[in-house]
Structure formats: C-alpha cells, structure tokens
Amino acid sequence: MPGLIIDDMWLDTHCHLSAPEFAEDYGAVWNLARQAGVRGVLLPAVDLNDCEAVTRLTTELPGAFPAYGIHPFYVGEAKDEDLARLAEWLEQGRAVAVGEIGLDGMNREVDWARQERFFLAQLELARKYDLPVVLHVRRAIAAVLRGLRQIKVRGGIAHAFNGSLEEAKQFLKLGFKLGFGGTLTYPGSRRIRALATELPLEAIVLETDAPDIAPVWLPRQEKKARNTPIELPRIGKVLAELRGLAVEEIAFQTTTNACSILQMAIEEVLQTAMKNRFSV
C-alpha cells in the first residue's frame, strides 16, 4: 500500500490481554482500543497454559494475533517436555511469532543456565518453523545477541528495548525491530527518548505491554495503574512530538514496520480488524 497515510491505524506489538488483570473485561478493553484506532494487537503467551488462553482470545477478538512461547520468568516451572508441547502449538500454523521468550538478568529466582537452555531451544523452534521471535531482554543484551548469532532466526521484535544505540544497531543488523511503549512517555527516560529520536523510524514498533509499563498520564493510587491498548495512539503521539513528525506518519510507519516483521500484509490486519466492527 505505498503512499497510504492512516492516522487511526495502530498495531500494538505487545499486549497481554490474557493476563488475570483483564479476566473480567478483556472484550470491552479491546473494543475501546479498536474505537481509538488500534486495528491490530499481538498477544504473546508466557507459558503453555497461556498459549491456550491466547488462542481463545484470538478467535474471539477481531484484529488479535497469537505468539506462542515460554517467558524466562516461567522456565523454572516449565518441564523439558513443554518444549515439545510448544512445538505442537507452533505446528498448527496459527502463530505469527515465537514469544515471549528471552533472558532476564534481574530474575534471581530462575537459574541462568536453565533460562539460556530454554531460550536457545525456542530459537531453534523459531528457525524450524521460520517464525520471527518476540524477545524479553532485561540486563541480558550481550547474552541474547550471542544466542541470536548462534541460532539464526527470521528477525523479530526486541520488546521494551532499553539498550544503547550501538546495541540497537546490532539488533537491527540481525533483522529486528525495537519496541517502545509507556517508558517513552516519561521525561526522565532520557536514553530511551533519545534512542526513539535517533533511530531510523523504520526500526521502531510501538507496544503497550498492557497491563504493565503504564504511560506517565495514567493515575497511580494504592496500586499500580493498569495499562491497556487504548493508550497506544497517545504513546504514538509522544513519539511524533519527539521526532517532529506528523502523527499520521508515525501511525503508518510503525504499523508498516510491525506488519513487515510479523510477515503480515496491512490489508490482512485491516480485514481481520474490521470483522464485526466494534463488537465483541
């Protein structure tokens, strides 16, 4: 769709509508996001049980697409045979990515060697099924890059990217897009805001990580604010202001970037999103 400019077509590349925080109202939450112009959402699973929940949601919610994986937080509870079960989910051909997978250097509860073993095994599955990956990377950039160079995959998305410009360039060389979300909205997030300004716009995708990483404007009271995909267009507006670009350009390019890395046509997202328009 060369030349297309859409100011109300956003794609949330990381959202956990299957999380317990949305158990009572996920349909209403997604309906509001669609009315705000969020036409597509990637739902990454965090473990095998979540794969089932994500599948159910993607059959119910127009514009929702599944990714299947075992998050580094959950590999301590996972069994080795869960990798075979994950392969069965991927064999079905529904997933547009393998994820959320990766490494977390701040997680002291899960053995690092086990994290690495599950990460590399899931990269092997992504290579086998020729799928991009959705990465969780926290204080583990060097190790994740090492794994990606060892096991070549079809690129993917480095979710909630928080590295340096040089590290960002290394991910780009490996075929990855970099995810930016709520952290971008905080004036104190100087490095992330600088990255979002300096990187080629073609390198960036937008995400909410709902219900987590709430933007600066959501109220915080006794407990943390619940983030939702309705916030994505406003996050996109912040990116537009930082880069001095029109919101329409940010909406179009970040959606194009997401569709490209997830191997989806913009038309596919639009057609899926418009089914049963604004109803669940």
Protein backbone atom coordinates (compact mmCIF):
# COMPACT_ATOMS: atom_id res chain seq x y z
CA MET A 1 0.00 0.00 0.00
CA PRO A 2 2.60 2.62 -0.99
CA GLY A 3 1.62 6.19 -0.17
CA LEU A 4 -1.11 5.19 2.27
CA ILE A 5 -1.45 7.57 5.23
CA ILE A 6 -3.67 6.43 8.08
CA ASP A 7 -3.90 8.32 11.37
CA ASP A 8 -6.13 5.80 13.11
CA MET A 9 -4.44 2.51 12.28
CA TRP A 10 -2.12 1.42 15.05
CA LEU A 11 -0.74 -2.02 15.83
CA ASP A 12 0.12 -2.91 19.43
CA THR A 13 3.03 -5.34 19.13
CA HIS A 14 2.99 -6.45 22.76
CA CYS A 15 -0.11 -6.78 24.91
CA HIS A 16 -1.18 -9.41 27.47
CA LEU A 17 -4.97 -9.35 27.27
CA SER A 18 -4.85 -12.93 28.56
CA ALA A 19 -3.47 -11.70 31.91
CA PRO A 20 -5.62 -12.00 35.07
CA GLU A 21 -5.99 -8.21 35.16
CA PHE A 22 -8.25 -8.44 32.09
CA ALA A 23 -10.23 -11.55 33.07
CA GLU A 24 -13.47 -9.64 33.61
CA ASP A 25 -13.39 -7.09 30.78
CA TYR A 26 -10.90 -8.02 28.04
CA GLY A 27 -13.62 -7.70 25.39
CA ALA A 28 -14.65 -4.21 26.48
CA VAL A 29 -11.00 -3.16 26.75
CA TRP A 30 -10.25 -4.30 23.21
CA ASN A 31 -13.44 -2.76 21.87
CA LEU A 32 -12.42 0.64 23.27
CA ALA A 33 -8.95 0.28 21.79
CA ARG A 34 -10.41 -0.50 18.37
CA GLN A 35 -12.59 2.58 18.56
CA ALA A 36 -9.44 4.58 19.31
CA GLY A 37 -7.82 3.28 16.11
CA VAL A 38 -5.83 0.27 17.32
CA ARG A 39 -6.54 -2.15 14.50
CA GLY A 40 -4.20 -4.98 15.45
CA VAL A 41 -2.66 -6.48 18.58
CA LEU A 42 -0.05 -9.17 19.10
CA LEU A 43 -0.76 -11.36 22.14
CA PRO A 44 2.42 -13.15 23.25
CA ALA A 45 1.95 -16.16 25.52
CA VAL A 46 4.15 -16.58 28.59
CA ASP A 47 3.75 -20.33 29.16
CA LEU A 48 1.88 -23.35 27.83
CA ASN A 49 -1.34 -22.59 29.70
CA ASP A 50 -1.24 -19.07 28.31
CA CYS A 51 -0.94 -20.46 24.78
CA GLU A 52 -4.43 -21.86 25.22
CA ALA A 53 -5.77 -18.58 26.62
CA VAL A 54 -4.15 -16.55 23.83
CA THR A 55 -5.64 -18.87 21.20
CA ARG A 56 -9.11 -18.41 22.66
CA LEU A 57 -8.75 -14.62 22.65
CA THR A 58 -7.52 -14.50 19.07
CA THR A 59 -10.61 -16.41 17.96
CA GLU A 60 -12.87 -14.00 19.87
CA LEU A 61 -11.22 -10.62 19.27
CA PRO A 62 -11.01 -9.20 15.74
CA GLY A 63 -7.51 -7.98 14.94
CA ALA A 64 -5.76 -10.11 17.60
CA PHE A 65 -2.84 -12.33 16.55
CA PRO A 66 -1.09 -15.03 18.64
CA ALA A 67 2.54 -15.64 19.54
CA TYR A 68 3.48 -18.77 21.49
CA GLY A 69 6.43 -19.13 23.82
CA ILE A 70 7.74 -19.67 27.35
CA HIS A 71 8.81 -16.47 29.11
CA PRO A 72 12.08 -16.54 31.11
CA PHE A 73 10.05 -15.91 34.29
CA TYR A 74 8.26 -19.22 33.74
CA VAL A 75 11.02 -21.56 32.61
CA GLY A 76 11.68 -22.51 36.23
CA GLU A 77 8.21 -24.07 36.39
CA ALA A 78 8.32 -25.49 32.87
CA LYS A 79 9.17 -29.10 32.17
CA ASP A 80 11.51 -30.19 29.41
CA GLU A 81 8.58 -31.83 27.62
CA ASP A 82 6.91 -28.42 27.46
CA LEU A 83 9.25 -27.62 24.57
CA ALA A 84 7.70 -30.50 22.64
CA ARG A 85 4.23 -29.23 23.53
CA LEU A 86 5.23 -25.75 22.36
CA ALA A 87 6.32 -27.27 19.06
CA GLU A 88 2.83 -28.78 18.75
CA TRP A 89 1.28 -25.33 19.18
CA LEU A 90 3.60 -23.90 16.54
CA GLU A 91 2.88 -26.83 14.22
CA GLN A 92 -0.73 -25.68 14.00
CA GLY A 93 0.37 -22.67 11.95
CA ARG A 94 -1.66 -20.07 13.85
CA ALA A 95 1.24 -18.21 15.47
CA VAL A 96 2.77 -15.18 13.77
CA ALA A 97 5.79 -15.31 16.12
CA VAL A 98 7.52 -17.31 18.84
CA GLY A 99 7.30 -15.39 22.08
CA GLU A 100 7.56 -14.10 24.60
CA ILE A 101 11.00 -15.64 25.02
CA GLY A 102 14.37 -14.37 26.16
CA LEU A 103 16.67 -13.83 29.13
CA ASP A 104 16.30 -11.83 32.32
CA GLY A 105 19.44 -10.93 34.26
CA MET A 106 17.43 -9.42 37.09
CA ASN A 107 15.45 -12.56 37.81
CA ARG A 108 17.17 -14.31 40.71
CA GLU A 109 14.50 -16.99 41.04
CA VAL A 110 15.26 -18.84 37.80
CA ASP A 111 18.62 -20.49 37.20
CA TRP A 112 20.55 -18.66 34.45
CA ALA A 113 21.66 -21.86 32.75
CA ARG A 114 18.03 -23.01 32.58
CA GLN A 115 16.98 -19.66 31.14
CA GLU A 116 19.62 -19.96 28.44
CA ARG A 117 18.71 -23.56 27.63
CA PHE A 118 15.04 -22.74 27.13
CA PHE A 119 15.89 -19.58 25.19
CA LEU A 120 18.15 -21.39 22.74
CA ALA A 121 15.70 -24.27 22.37
CA GLN A 122 12.93 -21.82 21.47
CA LEU A 123 15.18 -20.07 18.97
CA GLU A 124 15.64 -23.49 17.37
CA LEU A 125 11.86 -23.84 17.15
CA ALA A 126 11.57 -20.37 15.59
CA ARG A 127 14.15 -21.38 12.99
CA LYS A 128 12.41 -24.69 12.34
CA TYR A 129 9.03 -23.03 11.75
CA ASP A 130 10.54 -19.96 10.06
CA LEU A 131 8.93 -17.52 12.51
CA PRO A 132 10.15 -14.23 13.98
CA VAL A 133 10.66 -14.04 17.74
CA VAL A 134 9.38 -11.64 20.40
CA LEU A 135 12.18 -11.05 22.87
CA HIS A 136 12.20 -10.26 26.57
CA VAL A 137 15.64 -8.76 27.26
CA ARG A 138 16.49 -7.36 30.67
CA ARG A 139 20.11 -6.92 31.68
CA ALA A 140 20.97 -9.65 29.22
CA ILE A 141 21.60 -7.95 25.89
CA ALA A 142 25.04 -9.47 25.27
CA ALA A 143 23.81 -12.99 26.03
CA VAL A 144 20.69 -12.58 23.86
CA LEU A 145 22.74 -11.27 20.94
CA ARG A 146 25.14 -14.18 21.34
CA GLY A 147 22.23 -16.61 21.14
CA LEU A 148 20.81 -14.88 18.07
CA ARG A 149 24.16 -15.11 16.29
CA GLN A 150 24.44 -18.77 17.22
CA ILE A 151 20.93 -19.66 16.04
CA LYS A 152 19.81 -17.55 13.09
CA VAL A 153 16.11 -16.69 13.05
CA ARG A 154 13.84 -14.57 10.90
CA GLY A 155 14.36 -11.45 12.99
CA GLY A 156 11.65 -10.29 15.32
CA ILE A 157 10.94 -7.65 17.95
CA ALA A 158 13.11 -6.70 20.93
CA HIS A 159 10.29 -5.84 23.31
CA ALA A 160 10.66 -2.81 25.65
CA PHE A 161 14.11 -2.07 24.29
CA ASN A 162 16.39 -0.42 26.83
CA GLY A 163 19.89 -0.76 25.42
CA SER A 164 22.43 1.61 23.93
CA LEU A 165 22.46 2.96 20.39
CA GLU A 166 25.29 0.57 19.49
CA GLU A 167 23.35 -2.38 20.90
CA ALA A 168 20.28 -1.24 18.99
CA LYS A 169 22.29 -1.28 15.77
CA GLN A 170 23.36 -4.86 16.46
CA PHE A 171 19.73 -5.95 16.79
CA LEU A 172 18.86 -4.13 13.57
CA LYS A 173 21.64 -5.96 11.72
CA LEU A 174 20.06 -9.22 12.84
CA GLY A 175 16.70 -8.24 11.34
CA PHE A 176 14.95 -6.97 14.46
CA LYS A 177 12.61 -4.08 15.16
CA LEU A 178 12.76 -2.36 18.55
CA GLY A 179 9.66 -1.98 20.72
CA PHE A 180 8.87 1.29 22.50
CA GLY A 181 5.96 1.89 24.85
CA GLY A 182 4.97 3.52 28.11
CA THR A 183 8.53 4.23 29.27
CA LEU A 184 8.88 6.54 26.28
CA THR A 185 6.33 8.91 27.81
CA TYR A 186 8.41 9.71 30.90
CA PRO A 187 10.56 12.87 30.61
CA GLY A 188 13.14 11.20 32.86
CA SER A 189 13.63 8.32 30.40
CA ARG A 190 16.33 10.27 28.59
CA ARG A 191 18.17 7.38 26.97
CA ILE A 192 15.02 5.73 25.66
CA ARG A 193 13.65 9.02 24.36
CA ALA A 194 16.99 9.78 22.68
CA LEU A 195 17.00 6.34 21.05
CA ALA A 196 13.44 6.78 19.80
CA THR A 197 14.55 10.04 18.21
CA GLU A 198 17.87 8.91 16.73
CA LEU A 199 16.97 5.50 15.32
CA PRO A 200 15.59 5.19 11.79
CA LEU A 201 11.81 5.29 12.01
CA GLU A 202 11.78 2.02 10.06
CA ALA A 203 13.41 0.36 13.10
CA ILE A 204 10.62 1.18 15.56
CA VAL A 205 7.41 -0.57 16.54
CA LEU A 206 5.02 0.52 19.26
CA GLU A 207 3.63 -1.51 22.15
CA THR A 208 1.82 -1.13 25.45
CA ASP A 209 2.87 -4.31 27.33
CA ALA A 210 -0.57 -3.98 28.93
CA PRO A 211 -1.35 -4.39 31.76
CA ASP A 212 2.24 -3.35 32.60
CA ILE A 213 4.52 -0.36 31.82
CA ALA A 214 1.77 2.25 32.14
CA PRO A 215 2.39 5.63 30.48
CA VAL A 216 3.01 8.71 32.58
CA TRP A 217 -0.56 10.02 32.39
CA LEU A 218 -2.32 7.02 33.97
CA PRO A 219 -3.22 7.68 37.64
CA ARG A 220 -1.45 5.74 40.37
CA GLN A 221 -3.25 5.26 43.63
CA GLU A 222 -2.88 2.39 46.10
CA LYS A 223 -1.60 0.01 43.44
CA LYS A 224 -0.01 0.40 40.04
CA ALA A 225 -2.14 1.65 37.20
CA ARG A 226 -3.50 -0.89 34.72
CA ASN A 227 -2.23 -0.16 31.25
CA THR A 228 -4.48 -1.02 28.27
CA PRO A 229 -4.07 -0.97 24.47
CA ILE A 230 -6.24 2.15 24.23
CA GLU A 231 -3.12 4.10 25.27
CA LEU A 232 -1.17 3.18 22.13
CA PRO A 233 -2.24 6.14 19.92
CA ARG A 234 -1.27 8.59 22.65
CA ILE A 235 2.11 6.87 23.03
CA GLY A 236 2.45 7.25 19.27
CA LYS A 237 1.69 10.95 19.60
CA VAL A 238 4.56 11.30 22.08
CA LEU A 239 6.88 9.65 19.56
CA ALA A 240 5.63 12.02 16.87
CA GLU A 241 6.37 15.02 19.08
CA LEU A 242 9.85 13.77 19.94
CA ARG A 243 10.70 13.27 16.27
CA GLY A 244 8.90 16.36 14.98
CA LEU A 245 6.71 14.31 12.66
CA ALA A 246 3.01 14.12 11.94
CA VAL A 247 1.07 11.56 13.96
CA GLU A 248 -0.20 10.12 10.67
CA GLU A 249 3.35 9.30 9.60
CA ILE A 250 4.11 7.60 12.91
CA ALA A 251 0.91 5.55 12.72
CA PHE A 252 1.57 4.44 9.17
CA GLN A 253 5.27 3.67 9.50
CA THR A 254 5.17 1.85 12.84
CA THR A 255 2.24 -0.26 11.65
CA THR A 256 4.06 -1.00 8.40
CA ASN A 257 7.16 -1.97 10.39
CA ALA A 258 5.15 -4.33 12.60
CA CYS A 259 3.38 -5.97 9.68
CA SER A 260 6.70 -6.40 7.89
CA ILE A 261 8.47 -8.15 10.75
CA LEU A 262 5.43 -10.31 11.55
CA GLN A 263 5.03 -11.23 7.87
CA MET A 264 1.53 -9.82 7.67
CA ALA A 265 0.08 -7.57 5.00
CA ILE A 266 -1.55 -4.34 6.17
CA GLU A 267 -4.62 -5.48 4.25
CA GLU A 268 -4.70 -8.65 6.37
CA VAL A 269 -4.68 -6.63 9.59
CA LEU A 270 -7.40 -4.32 8.30
CA GLN A 271 -9.61 -7.15 7.11
CA THR A 272 -9.23 -9.04 10.38
CA ALA A 273 -9.76 -5.93 12.48
CA MET A 274 -12.89 -4.85 10.62
CA LYS A 275 -14.76 -8.12 11.17
CA ASN A 276 -17.76 -7.46 13.39
CA ARG A 277 -16.62 -3.87 13.65
CA PHE A 278 -16.55 -2.56 17.20
CA SER A 279 -18.37 -5.51 18.69
CA VAL A 280 -17.15 -8.50 20.66
